[in-house]
Full PDB file with SEQRES, HELIX, SHEET, SSBOND, CRYST1, ORIGX, SCALE, CONECT and MASTER records, all heavy atoms in Angstrom:
SEQRES   1 A   33  ILE LEU ASN LEU LEU PHE LYS MET ASP LYS ILE LYS GLN          
SEQRES   2 A   33  LEU GLN THR THR THR GLU LYS LEU LYS LYS SER LEU GLU          
SEQRES   3 A   33  GLU MET ASP GLU GLN ALA LYS                                  
HELIX    1 AA1 LEU A    2  ALA A   32  1                                  31    
CRYST1    1.000    1.000    1.000  90.00  90.00  90.00 P 1           1          
ORIGX1      1.000000  0.000000  0.000000        0.00000                         
ORIGX2      0.000000  1.000000  0.000000        0.00000                         
ORIGX3      0.000000  0.000000  1.000000        0.00000                         
SCALE1      1.000000  0.000000  0.000000        0.00000                         
SCALE2      0.000000  1.000000  0.000000        0.00000                         
SCALE3      0.000000  0.000000  1.000000        0.00000                         
ATOM      1  N   ILE A   1      59.168 117.716 -73.676  1.00  0.00           N  
ATOM      2  CA  ILE A   1      57.841 117.779 -73.060  1.00  0.00           C  
ATOM      3  C   ILE A   1      57.228 116.390 -72.946  1.00  0.00           C  
ATOM      4  O   ILE A   1      56.656 115.978 -71.905  1.00  0.00           O  
ATOM      5  CB  ILE A   1      56.906 118.690 -73.903  1.00  0.00           C  
ATOM      6  CG1 ILE A   1      57.364 120.135 -73.726  1.00  0.00           C  
ATOM      7  CG2 ILE A   1      55.476 118.561 -73.440  1.00  0.00           C  
ATOM      8  CD1 ILE A   1      56.658 121.097 -74.691  1.00  0.00           C  
ATOM      9  N   LEU A   2      57.343 115.567 -74.005  1.00  0.00           N  
ATOM     10  CA  LEU A   2      56.829 114.213 -73.964  1.00  0.00           C  
ATOM     11  C   LEU A   2      57.549 113.364 -72.908  1.00  0.00           C  
ATOM     12  O   LEU A   2      56.915 112.556 -72.178  1.00  0.00           O  
ATOM     13  CB  LEU A   2      56.989 113.548 -75.354  1.00  0.00           C  
ATOM     14  CG  LEU A   2      56.072 114.118 -76.465  1.00  0.00           C  
ATOM     15  CD1 LEU A   2      56.444 113.500 -77.816  1.00  0.00           C  
ATOM     16  CD2 LEU A   2      54.596 113.857 -76.132  1.00  0.00           C  
ATOM     17  N   ASN A   3      58.874 113.566 -72.906  1.00  0.00           N  
ATOM     18  CA  ASN A   3      59.657 112.807 -71.911  1.00  0.00           C  
ATOM     19  C   ASN A   3      59.240 113.187 -70.493  1.00  0.00           C  
ATOM     20  O   ASN A   3      59.113 112.339 -69.607  1.00  0.00           O  
ATOM     21  CB  ASN A   3      61.158 113.104 -72.135  1.00  0.00           C  
ATOM     22  CG  ASN A   3      62.029 112.163 -71.270  1.00  0.00           C  
ATOM     23  OD1 ASN A   3      61.693 111.004 -71.030  1.00  0.00           O  
ATOM     24  ND2 ASN A   3      63.170 112.675 -70.811  1.00  0.00           N  
ATOM     25  N   LEU A   4      58.946 114.473 -70.291  1.00  0.00           N  
ATOM     26  CA  LEU A   4      58.512 114.974 -68.980  1.00  0.00           C  
ATOM     27  C   LEU A   4      57.149 114.380 -68.634  1.00  0.00           C  
ATOM     28  O   LEU A   4      56.906 113.944 -67.474  1.00  0.00           O  
ATOM     29  CB  LEU A   4      58.470 116.499 -69.005  1.00  0.00           C  
ATOM     30  CG  LEU A   4      58.015 117.154 -67.684  1.00  0.00           C  
ATOM     31  CD1 LEU A   4      58.989 116.831 -66.567  1.00  0.00           C  
ATOM     32  CD2 LEU A   4      57.945 118.693 -67.860  1.00  0.00           C  
ATOM     33  N   LEU A   5      56.276 114.384 -69.624  1.00  0.00           N  
ATOM     34  CA  LEU A   5      54.941 113.817 -69.395  1.00  0.00           C  
ATOM     35  C   LEU A   5      55.028 112.334 -69.021  1.00  0.00           C  
ATOM     36  O   LEU A   5      54.309 111.845 -68.142  1.00  0.00           O  
ATOM     37  CB  LEU A   5      54.057 114.013 -70.634  1.00  0.00           C  
ATOM     38  CG  LEU A   5      53.656 115.454 -70.950  1.00  0.00           C  
ATOM     39  CD1 LEU A   5      52.916 115.541 -72.289  1.00  0.00           C  
ATOM     40  CD2 LEU A   5      52.730 115.985 -69.827  1.00  0.00           C  
ATOM     41  N   PHE A   6      55.911 111.618 -69.736  1.00  0.00           N  
ATOM     42  CA  PHE A   6      56.080 110.182 -69.462  1.00  0.00           C  
ATOM     43  C   PHE A   6      56.571 109.952 -68.045  1.00  0.00           C  
ATOM     44  O   PHE A   6      56.088 109.083 -67.311  1.00  0.00           O  
ATOM     45  CB  PHE A   6      57.049 109.603 -70.512  1.00  0.00           C  
ATOM     46  CG  PHE A   6      57.382 108.157 -70.257  1.00  0.00           C  
ATOM     47  CD1 PHE A   6      56.484 107.130 -70.554  1.00  0.00           C  
ATOM     48  CD2 PHE A   6      58.628 107.814 -69.699  1.00  0.00           C  
ATOM     49  CE1 PHE A   6      56.828 105.828 -70.293  1.00  0.00           C  
ATOM     50  CE2 PHE A   6      58.940 106.476 -69.444  1.00  0.00           C  
ATOM     51  CZ  PHE A   6      58.068 105.494 -69.743  1.00  0.00           C  
ATOM     52  N   LYS A   7      57.579 110.773 -67.658  1.00  0.00           N  
ATOM     53  CA  LYS A   7      58.152 110.616 -66.320  1.00  0.00           C  
ATOM     54  C   LYS A   7      57.148 111.003 -65.239  1.00  0.00           C  
ATOM     55  O   LYS A   7      57.079 110.369 -64.177  1.00  0.00           O  
ATOM     56  CB  LYS A   7      59.404 111.508 -66.197  1.00  0.00           C  
ATOM     57  CG  LYS A   7      60.585 110.954 -66.959  1.00  0.00           C  
ATOM     58  CD  LYS A   7      61.839 111.809 -66.744  1.00  0.00           C  
ATOM     59  CE  LYS A   7      63.069 111.164 -67.481  1.00  0.00           C  
ATOM     60  NZ  LYS A   7      64.261 111.966 -67.235  1.00  0.00           N  
ATOM     61  N   MET A   8      56.341 112.041 -65.549  1.00  0.00           N  
ATOM     62  CA  MET A   8      55.301 112.412 -64.577  1.00  0.00           C  
ATOM     63  C   MET A   8      54.264 111.292 -64.396  1.00  0.00           C  
ATOM     64  O   MET A   8      53.840 110.988 -63.269  1.00  0.00           O  
ATOM     65  CB  MET A   8      54.583 113.704 -65.025  1.00  0.00           C  
ATOM     66  CG  MET A   8      55.475 114.956 -64.897  1.00  0.00           C  
ATOM     67  SD  MET A   8      54.624 116.434 -65.501  1.00  0.00           S  
ATOM     68  CE  MET A   8      53.347 116.540 -64.306  1.00  0.00           C  
ATOM     69  N   ASP A   9      53.969 110.645 -65.519  1.00  0.00           N  
ATOM     70  CA  ASP A   9      53.027 109.490 -65.434  1.00  0.00           C  
ATOM     71  C   ASP A   9      53.678 108.354 -64.655  1.00  0.00           C  
ATOM     72  O   ASP A   9      53.003 107.692 -63.858  1.00  0.00           O  
ATOM     73  CB  ASP A   9      52.679 109.061 -66.848  1.00  0.00           C  
ATOM     74  CG  ASP A   9      51.634 107.958 -66.845  1.00  0.00           C  
ATOM     75  OD1 ASP A   9      50.532 108.163 -66.304  1.00  0.00           O  
ATOM     76  OD2 ASP A   9      51.937 106.815 -67.325  1.00  0.00           O  
ATOM     77  N   LYS A  10      54.964 108.141 -64.876  1.00  0.00           N  
ATOM     78  CA  LYS A  10      55.678 107.092 -64.168  1.00  0.00           C  
ATOM     79  C   LYS A  10      55.719 107.385 -62.676  1.00  0.00           C  
ATOM     80  O   LYS A  10      55.561 106.500 -61.825  1.00  0.00           O  
ATOM     81  CB  LYS A  10      57.131 107.014 -64.727  1.00  0.00           C  
ATOM     82  CG  LYS A  10      57.866 105.737 -64.352  1.00  0.00           C  
ATOM     83  CD  LYS A  10      57.294 104.570 -65.088  1.00  0.00           C  
ATOM     84  CE  LYS A  10      58.149 103.328 -64.838  1.00  0.00           C  
ATOM     85  NZ  LYS A  10      57.542 102.149 -65.479  1.00  0.00           N  
ATOM     86  N   ILE A  11      55.917 108.724 -62.403  1.00  0.00           N  
ATOM     87  CA  ILE A  11      55.962 109.119 -60.985  1.00  0.00           C  
ATOM     88  C   ILE A  11      54.632 108.840 -60.339  1.00  0.00           C  
ATOM     89  O   ILE A  11      54.536 108.365 -59.188  1.00  0.00           O  
ATOM     90  CB  ILE A  11      56.349 110.610 -60.884  1.00  0.00           C  
ATOM     91  CG1 ILE A  11      57.823 110.788 -61.249  1.00  0.00           C  
ATOM     92  CG2 ILE A  11      56.073 111.155 -59.475  1.00  0.00           C  
ATOM     93  CD1 ILE A  11      58.237 112.253 -61.407  1.00  0.00           C  
ATOM     94  N   LYS A  12      53.525 109.156 -61.052  1.00  0.00           N  
ATOM     95  CA  LYS A  12      52.192 108.882 -60.502  1.00  0.00           C  
ATOM     96  C   LYS A  12      52.000 107.391 -60.223  1.00  0.00           C  
ATOM     97  O   LYS A  12      51.429 106.996 -59.208  1.00  0.00           O  
ATOM     98  CB  LYS A  12      51.139 109.382 -61.478  1.00  0.00           C  
ATOM     99  CG  LYS A  12      50.954 110.863 -61.492  1.00  0.00           C  
ATOM    100  CD  LYS A  12      49.837 111.289 -62.463  1.00  0.00           C  
ATOM    101  CE  LYS A  12      49.656 112.800 -62.459  1.00  0.00           C  
ATOM    102  NZ  LYS A  12      48.594 113.227 -63.381  1.00  0.00           N  
ATOM    103  N   GLN A  13      52.472 106.559 -61.176  1.00  0.00           N  
ATOM    104  CA  GLN A  13      52.383 105.103 -60.982  1.00  0.00           C  
ATOM    105  C   GLN A  13      53.172 104.678 -59.748  1.00  0.00           C  
ATOM    106  O   GLN A  13      52.711 103.824 -58.954  1.00  0.00           O  
ATOM    107  CB  GLN A  13      52.855 104.366 -62.224  1.00  0.00           C  
ATOM    108  CG  GLN A  13      51.939 104.525 -63.424  1.00  0.00           C  
ATOM    109  CD  GLN A  13      52.468 103.779 -64.659  1.00  0.00           C  
ATOM    110  OE1 GLN A  13      53.519 103.152 -64.605  1.00  0.00           O  
ATOM    111  NE2 GLN A  13      51.712 103.828 -65.741  1.00  0.00           N  
ATOM    112  N   LEU A  14      54.359 105.266 -59.660  1.00  0.00           N  
ATOM    113  CA  LEU A  14      55.180 104.929 -58.495  1.00  0.00           C  
ATOM    114  C   LEU A  14      54.547 105.385 -57.203  1.00  0.00           C  
ATOM    115  O   LEU A  14      54.606 104.663 -56.168  1.00  0.00           O  
ATOM    116  CB  LEU A  14      56.583 105.564 -58.640  1.00  0.00           C  
ATOM    117  CG  LEU A  14      57.475 104.923 -59.729  1.00  0.00           C  
ATOM    118  CD1 LEU A  14      58.768 105.773 -59.901  1.00  0.00           C  
ATOM    119  CD2 LEU A  14      57.853 103.501 -59.338  1.00  0.00           C  
ATOM    120  N   GLN A  15      53.944 106.575 -57.261  1.00  0.00           N  
ATOM    121  CA  GLN A  15      53.265 107.079 -56.058  1.00  0.00           C  
ATOM    122  C   GLN A  15      52.093 106.152 -55.658  1.00  0.00           C  
ATOM    123  O   GLN A  15      51.889 105.835 -54.481  1.00  0.00           O  
ATOM    124  CB  GLN A  15      52.725 108.487 -56.317  1.00  0.00           C  
ATOM    125  CG  GLN A  15      53.847 109.527 -56.304  1.00  0.00           C  
ATOM    126  CD  GLN A  15      53.275 110.922 -56.607  1.00  0.00           C  
ATOM    127  OE1 GLN A  15      52.173 111.066 -57.133  1.00  0.00           O  
ATOM    128  NE2 GLN A  15      54.071 111.935 -56.297  1.00  0.00           N  
ATOM    129  N   THR A  16      51.338 105.686 -56.701  1.00  0.00           N  
ATOM    130  CA  THR A  16      50.210 104.781 -56.421  1.00  0.00           C  
ATOM    131  C   THR A  16      50.718 103.462 -55.829  1.00  0.00           C  
ATOM    132  O   THR A  16      50.161 102.945 -54.860  1.00  0.00           O  
ATOM    133  CB  THR A  16      49.462 104.481 -57.750  1.00  0.00           C  
ATOM    134  OG1 THR A  16      48.986 105.713 -58.305  1.00  0.00           O  
ATOM    135  CG2 THR A  16      48.263 103.560 -57.498  1.00  0.00           C  
ATOM    136  N   THR A  17      51.800 102.966 -56.436  1.00  0.00           N  
ATOM    137  CA  THR A  17      52.400 101.723 -55.922  1.00  0.00           C  
ATOM    138  C   THR A  17      52.889 101.924 -54.502  1.00  0.00           C  
ATOM    139  O   THR A  17      52.721 101.051 -53.616  1.00  0.00           O  
ATOM    140  CB  THR A  17      53.531 101.275 -56.826  1.00  0.00           C  
ATOM    141  OG1 THR A  17      53.066 101.104 -58.169  1.00  0.00           O  
ATOM    142  CG2 THR A  17      54.139  99.957 -56.348  1.00  0.00           C  
ATOM    143  N   THR A  18      53.502 103.103 -54.300  1.00  0.00           N  
ATOM    144  CA  THR A  18      54.029 103.422 -52.938  1.00  0.00           C  
ATOM    145  C   THR A  18      52.880 103.453 -51.927  1.00  0.00           C  
ATOM    146  O   THR A  18      53.009 102.932 -50.821  1.00  0.00           O  
ATOM    147  CB  THR A  18      54.750 104.743 -52.955  1.00  0.00           C  
ATOM    148  OG1 THR A  18      55.824 104.680 -53.920  1.00  0.00           O  
ATOM    149  CG2 THR A  18      55.333 105.069 -51.560  1.00  0.00           C  
ATOM    150  N   GLU A  19      51.763 104.044 -52.314  1.00  0.00           N  
ATOM    151  CA  GLU A  19      50.617 104.130 -51.422  1.00  0.00           C  
ATOM    152  C   GLU A  19      50.089 102.747 -51.079  1.00  0.00           C  
ATOM    153  O   GLU A  19      49.754 102.446 -49.961  1.00  0.00           O  
ATOM    154  CB  GLU A  19      49.524 104.980 -52.093  1.00  0.00           C  
ATOM    155  CG  GLU A  19      49.788 106.467 -52.161  1.00  0.00           C  
ATOM    156  CD  GLU A  19      49.861 107.094 -50.776  1.00  0.00           C  
ATOM    157  OE1 GLU A  19      49.158 106.628 -49.865  1.00  0.00           O  
ATOM    158  OE2 GLU A  19      50.637 108.047 -50.609  1.00  0.00           O  
ATOM    159  N   LYS A  20      50.044 101.888 -52.138  1.00  0.00           N  
ATOM    160  CA  LYS A  20      49.563 100.538 -51.926  1.00  0.00           C  
ATOM    161  C   LYS A  20      50.494  99.774 -50.988  1.00  0.00           C  
ATOM    162  O   LYS A  20      50.056  99.063 -50.074  1.00  0.00           O  
ATOM    163  CB  LYS A  20      49.460  99.785 -53.252  1.00  0.00           C  
ATOM    164  CG  LYS A  20      48.308 100.252 -54.126  1.00  0.00           C  
ATOM    165  CD  LYS A  20      48.242  99.465 -55.416  1.00  0.00           C  
ATOM    166  CE  LYS A  20      47.055  99.912 -56.279  1.00  0.00           C  
ATOM    167  NZ  LYS A  20      46.972  99.120 -57.529  1.00  0.00           N  
ATOM    168  N   LEU A  21      51.813  99.983 -51.250  1.00  0.00           N  
ATOM    169  CA  LEU A  21      52.793  99.316 -50.384  1.00  0.00           C  
ATOM    170  C   LEU A  21      52.692  99.801 -48.952  1.00  0.00           C  
ATOM    171  O   LEU A  21      52.748  99.010 -47.969  1.00  0.00           O  
ATOM    172  CB  LEU A  21      54.207  99.539 -50.918  1.00  0.00           C  
ATOM    173  CG  LEU A  21      54.583  98.758 -52.192  1.00  0.00           C  
ATOM    174  CD1 LEU A  21      55.939  99.241 -52.723  1.00  0.00           C  
ATOM    175  CD2 LEU A  21      54.614  97.288 -51.914  1.00  0.00           C  
ATOM    176  N   LYS A  22      52.501 101.118 -48.825  1.00  0.00           N  
ATOM    177  CA  LYS A  22      52.372 101.728 -47.496  1.00  0.00           C  
ATOM    178  C   LYS A  22      51.149 101.152 -46.772  1.00  0.00           C  
ATOM    179  O   LYS A  22      51.202 100.811 -45.580  1.00  0.00           O  
ATOM    180  CB  LYS A  22      52.282 103.228 -47.608  1.00  0.00           C  
ATOM    181  CG  LYS A  22      52.254 103.931 -46.272  1.00  0.00           C  
ATOM    182  CD  LYS A  22      52.195 105.462 -46.498  1.00  0.00           C  
ATOM    183  CE  LYS A  22      52.148 106.173 -45.146  1.00  0.00           C  
ATOM    184  NZ  LYS A  22      52.060 107.641 -45.328  1.00  0.00           N  
ATOM    185  N   LYS A  23      50.037 101.037 -47.491  1.00  0.00           N  
ATOM    186  CA  LYS A  23      48.804 100.522 -46.925  1.00  0.00           C  
ATOM    187  C   LYS A  23      48.943  99.062 -46.509  1.00  0.00           C  
ATOM    188  O   LYS A  23      48.510  98.613 -45.468  1.00  0.00           O  
ATOM    189  CB  LYS A  23      47.659 100.668 -47.936  1.00  0.00           C  
ATOM    190  CG  LYS A  23      46.299 100.327 -47.365  1.00  0.00           C  
ATOM    191  CD  LYS A  23      45.211 100.633 -48.398  1.00  0.00           C  
ATOM    192  CE  LYS A  23      43.823 100.282 -47.809  1.00  0.00           C  
ATOM    193  NZ  LYS A  23      42.775 100.526 -48.811  1.00  0.00           N  
ATOM    194  N   SER A  24      49.650  98.309 -47.442  1.00  0.00           N  
ATOM    195  CA  SER A  24      49.885  96.900 -47.133  1.00  0.00           C  
ATOM    196  C   SER A  24      50.763  96.733 -45.894  1.00  0.00           C  
ATOM    197  O   SER A  24      50.505  95.891 -45.050  1.00  0.00           O  
ATOM    198  CB  SER A  24      50.575  96.218 -48.317  1.00  0.00           C  
ATOM    199  OG  SER A  24      49.766  96.213 -49.466  1.00  0.00           O  
ATOM    200  N   LEU A  25      51.782  97.621 -45.796  1.00  0.00           N  
ATOM    201  CA  LEU A  25      52.658  97.580 -44.625  1.00  0.00           C  
ATOM    202  C   LEU A  25      51.896  97.909 -43.353  1.00  0.00           C  
ATOM    203  O   LEU A  25      52.105  97.277 -42.307  1.00  0.00           O  
ATOM    204  CB  LEU A  25      53.821  98.555 -44.809  1.00  0.00           C  
ATOM    205  CG  LEU A  25      54.903  98.122 -45.827  1.00  0.00           C  
ATOM    206  CD1 LEU A  25      55.892  99.259 -46.065  1.00  0.00           C  
ATOM    207  CD2 LEU A  25      55.632  96.876 -45.321  1.00  0.00           C  
ATOM    208  N   GLU A  26      51.003  98.896 -43.481  1.00  0.00           N  
ATOM    209  CA  GLU A  26      50.178  99.265 -42.295  1.00  0.00           C  
ATOM    210  C   GLU A  26      49.266  98.092 -41.905  1.00  0.00           C  
ATOM    211  O   GLU A  26      49.106  97.782 -40.724  1.00  0.00           O  
ATOM    212  CB  GLU A  26      49.347 100.504 -42.619  1.00  0.00           C  
ATOM    213  CG  GLU A  26      50.155 101.767 -42.699  1.00  0.00           C  
ATOM    214  CD  GLU A  26      49.320 102.982 -43.106  1.00  0.00           C  
ATOM    215  OE1 GLU A  26      48.129 102.779 -43.454  1.00  0.00           O  
ATOM    216  OE2 GLU A  26      49.828 104.105 -43.044  1.00  0.00           O  
ATOM    217  N   GLU A  27      48.666  97.413 -42.919  1.00  0.00           N  
ATOM    218  CA  GLU A  27      47.804  96.286 -42.633  1.00  0.00           C  
ATOM    219  C   GLU A  27      48.600  95.137 -42.013  1.00  0.00           C  
ATOM    220  O   GLU A  27      48.162  94.489 -41.050  1.00  0.00           O  
ATOM    221  CB  GLU A  27      47.118  95.798 -43.914  1.00  0.00           C  
ATOM    222  CG  GLU A  27      46.048  96.729 -44.426  1.00  0.00           C  
ATOM    223  CD  GLU A  27      45.460  96.257 -45.737  1.00  0.00           C  
ATOM    224  OE1 GLU A  27      45.964  95.229 -46.285  1.00  0.00           O  
ATOM    225  OE2 GLU A  27      44.488  96.889 -46.218  1.00  0.00           O  
ATOM    226  N   MET A  28      49.829  94.899 -42.566  1.00  0.00           N  
ATOM    227  CA  MET A  28      50.698  93.890 -42.001  1.00  0.00           C  
ATOM    228  C   MET A  28      51.067  94.227 -40.567  1.00  0.00           C  
ATOM    229  O   MET A  28      51.164  93.345 -39.713  1.00  0.00           O  
ATOM    230  CB  MET A  28      51.936  93.701 -42.884  1.00  0.00           C  
ATOM    231  CG  MET A  28      51.641  93.070 -44.239  1.00  0.00           C  
ATOM    232  SD  MET A  28      53.116  92.960 -45.263  1.00  0.00           S  
ATOM    233  CE  MET A  28      54.077  91.819 -44.349  1.00  0.00           C  
ATOM    234  N   ASP A  29      51.288  95.526 -40.360  1.00  0.00           N  
ATOM    235  CA  ASP A  29      51.646  95.950 -38.996  1.00  0.00           C  
ATOM    236  C   ASP A  29      50.524  95.692 -38.034  1.00  0.00           C  
ATOM    237  O   ASP A  29      50.699  95.207 -36.884  1.00  0.00           O  
ATOM    238  CB  ASP A  29      52.016  97.433 -39.022  1.00  0.00           C  
ATOM    239  CG  ASP A  29      52.449  97.919 -37.669  1.00  0.00           C  
ATOM    240  OD1 ASP A  29      53.417  97.340 -37.105  1.00  0.00           O  
ATOM    241  OD2 ASP A  29      51.834  98.878 -37.103  1.00  0.00           O  
ATOM    242  N   GLU A  30      49.246  95.982 -38.492  1.00  0.00           N  
ATOM    243  CA  GLU A  30      48.088  95.742 -37.649  1.00  0.00           C  
ATOM    244  C   GLU A  30      47.906  94.231 -37.365  1.00  0.00           C  
ATOM    245  O   GLU A  30      47.593  93.799 -36.247  1.00  0.00           O  
ATOM    246  CB  GLU A  30      46.830  96.288 -38.316  1.00  0.00           C  
ATOM    247  CG  GLU A  30      46.706  97.804 -38.285  1.00  0.00           C  
ATOM    248  CD  GLU A  30      46.638  98.342 -36.898  1.00  0.00           C  
ATOM    249  OE1 GLU A  30      46.027  97.683 -36.027  1.00  0.00           O  
ATOM    250  OE2 GLU A  30      47.219  99.423 -36.647  1.00  0.00           O  
ATOM    251  N   GLN A  31      48.111  93.452 -38.449  1.00  0.00           N  
ATOM    252  CA  GLN A  31      48.002  91.999 -38.278  1.00  0.00           C  
ATOM    253  C   GLN A  31      49.061  91.482 -37.313  1.00  0.00           C  
ATOM    254  O   GLN A  31      48.800  90.592 -36.497  1.00  0.00           O  
ATOM    255  CB  GLN A  31      48.131  91.331 -39.636  1.00  0.00           C  
ATOM    256  CG  GLN A  31      46.927  91.534 -40.549  1.00  0.00           C  
ATOM    257  CD  GLN A  31      47.081  90.876 -41.909  1.00  0.00           C  
ATOM    258  OE1 GLN A  31      48.137  90.324 -42.210  1.00  0.00           O  
ATOM    259  NE2 GLN A  31      46.046  90.975 -42.712  1.00  0.00           N  
ATOM    260  N   ALA A  32      50.260  92.042 -37.453  1.00  0.00           N  
ATOM    261  CA  ALA A  32      51.350  91.611 -36.544  1.00  0.00           C  
ATOM    262  C   ALA A  32      51.005  91.949 -35.115  1.00  0.00           C  
ATOM    263  O   ALA A  32      51.196  91.156 -34.183  1.00  0.00           O  
ATOM    264  CB  ALA A  32      52.662  92.259 -36.955  1.00  0.00           C  
ATOM    265  N   LYS A  33      50.480  93.197 -34.945  1.00  0.00           N  
ATOM    266  CA  LYS A  33      50.079  93.602 -33.580  1.00  0.00           C  
ATOM    267  C   LYS A  33      48.963  92.684 -33.070  1.00  0.00           C  
ATOM    268  O   LYS A  33      48.942  92.303 -31.891  1.00  0.00           O  
ATOM    269  CB  LYS A  33      49.586  95.042 -33.590  1.00  0.00           C  
ATOM    270  CG  LYS A  33      50.705  96.058 -33.794  1.00  0.00           C  
ATOM    271  CD  LYS A  33      50.143  97.468 -33.851  1.00  0.00           C  
ATOM    272  CE  LYS A  33      51.269  98.505 -34.039  1.00  0.00           C  
ATOM    273  NZ  LYS A  33      50.718  99.881 -34.094  1.00  0.00           N  
TER     274      LYS A  33                                                      
MASTER        0    0    0    1    0    0    0    6  273    1    0    3          
END                                                                             
């Protein structure tokens, strides 16, 4: 259960990082355009 909770927290962090990366990519795309 603890291991699952840790992984779920890791997944949330990864999701947050992914969202940030996605937003940064979108901003870079707008800047490029």
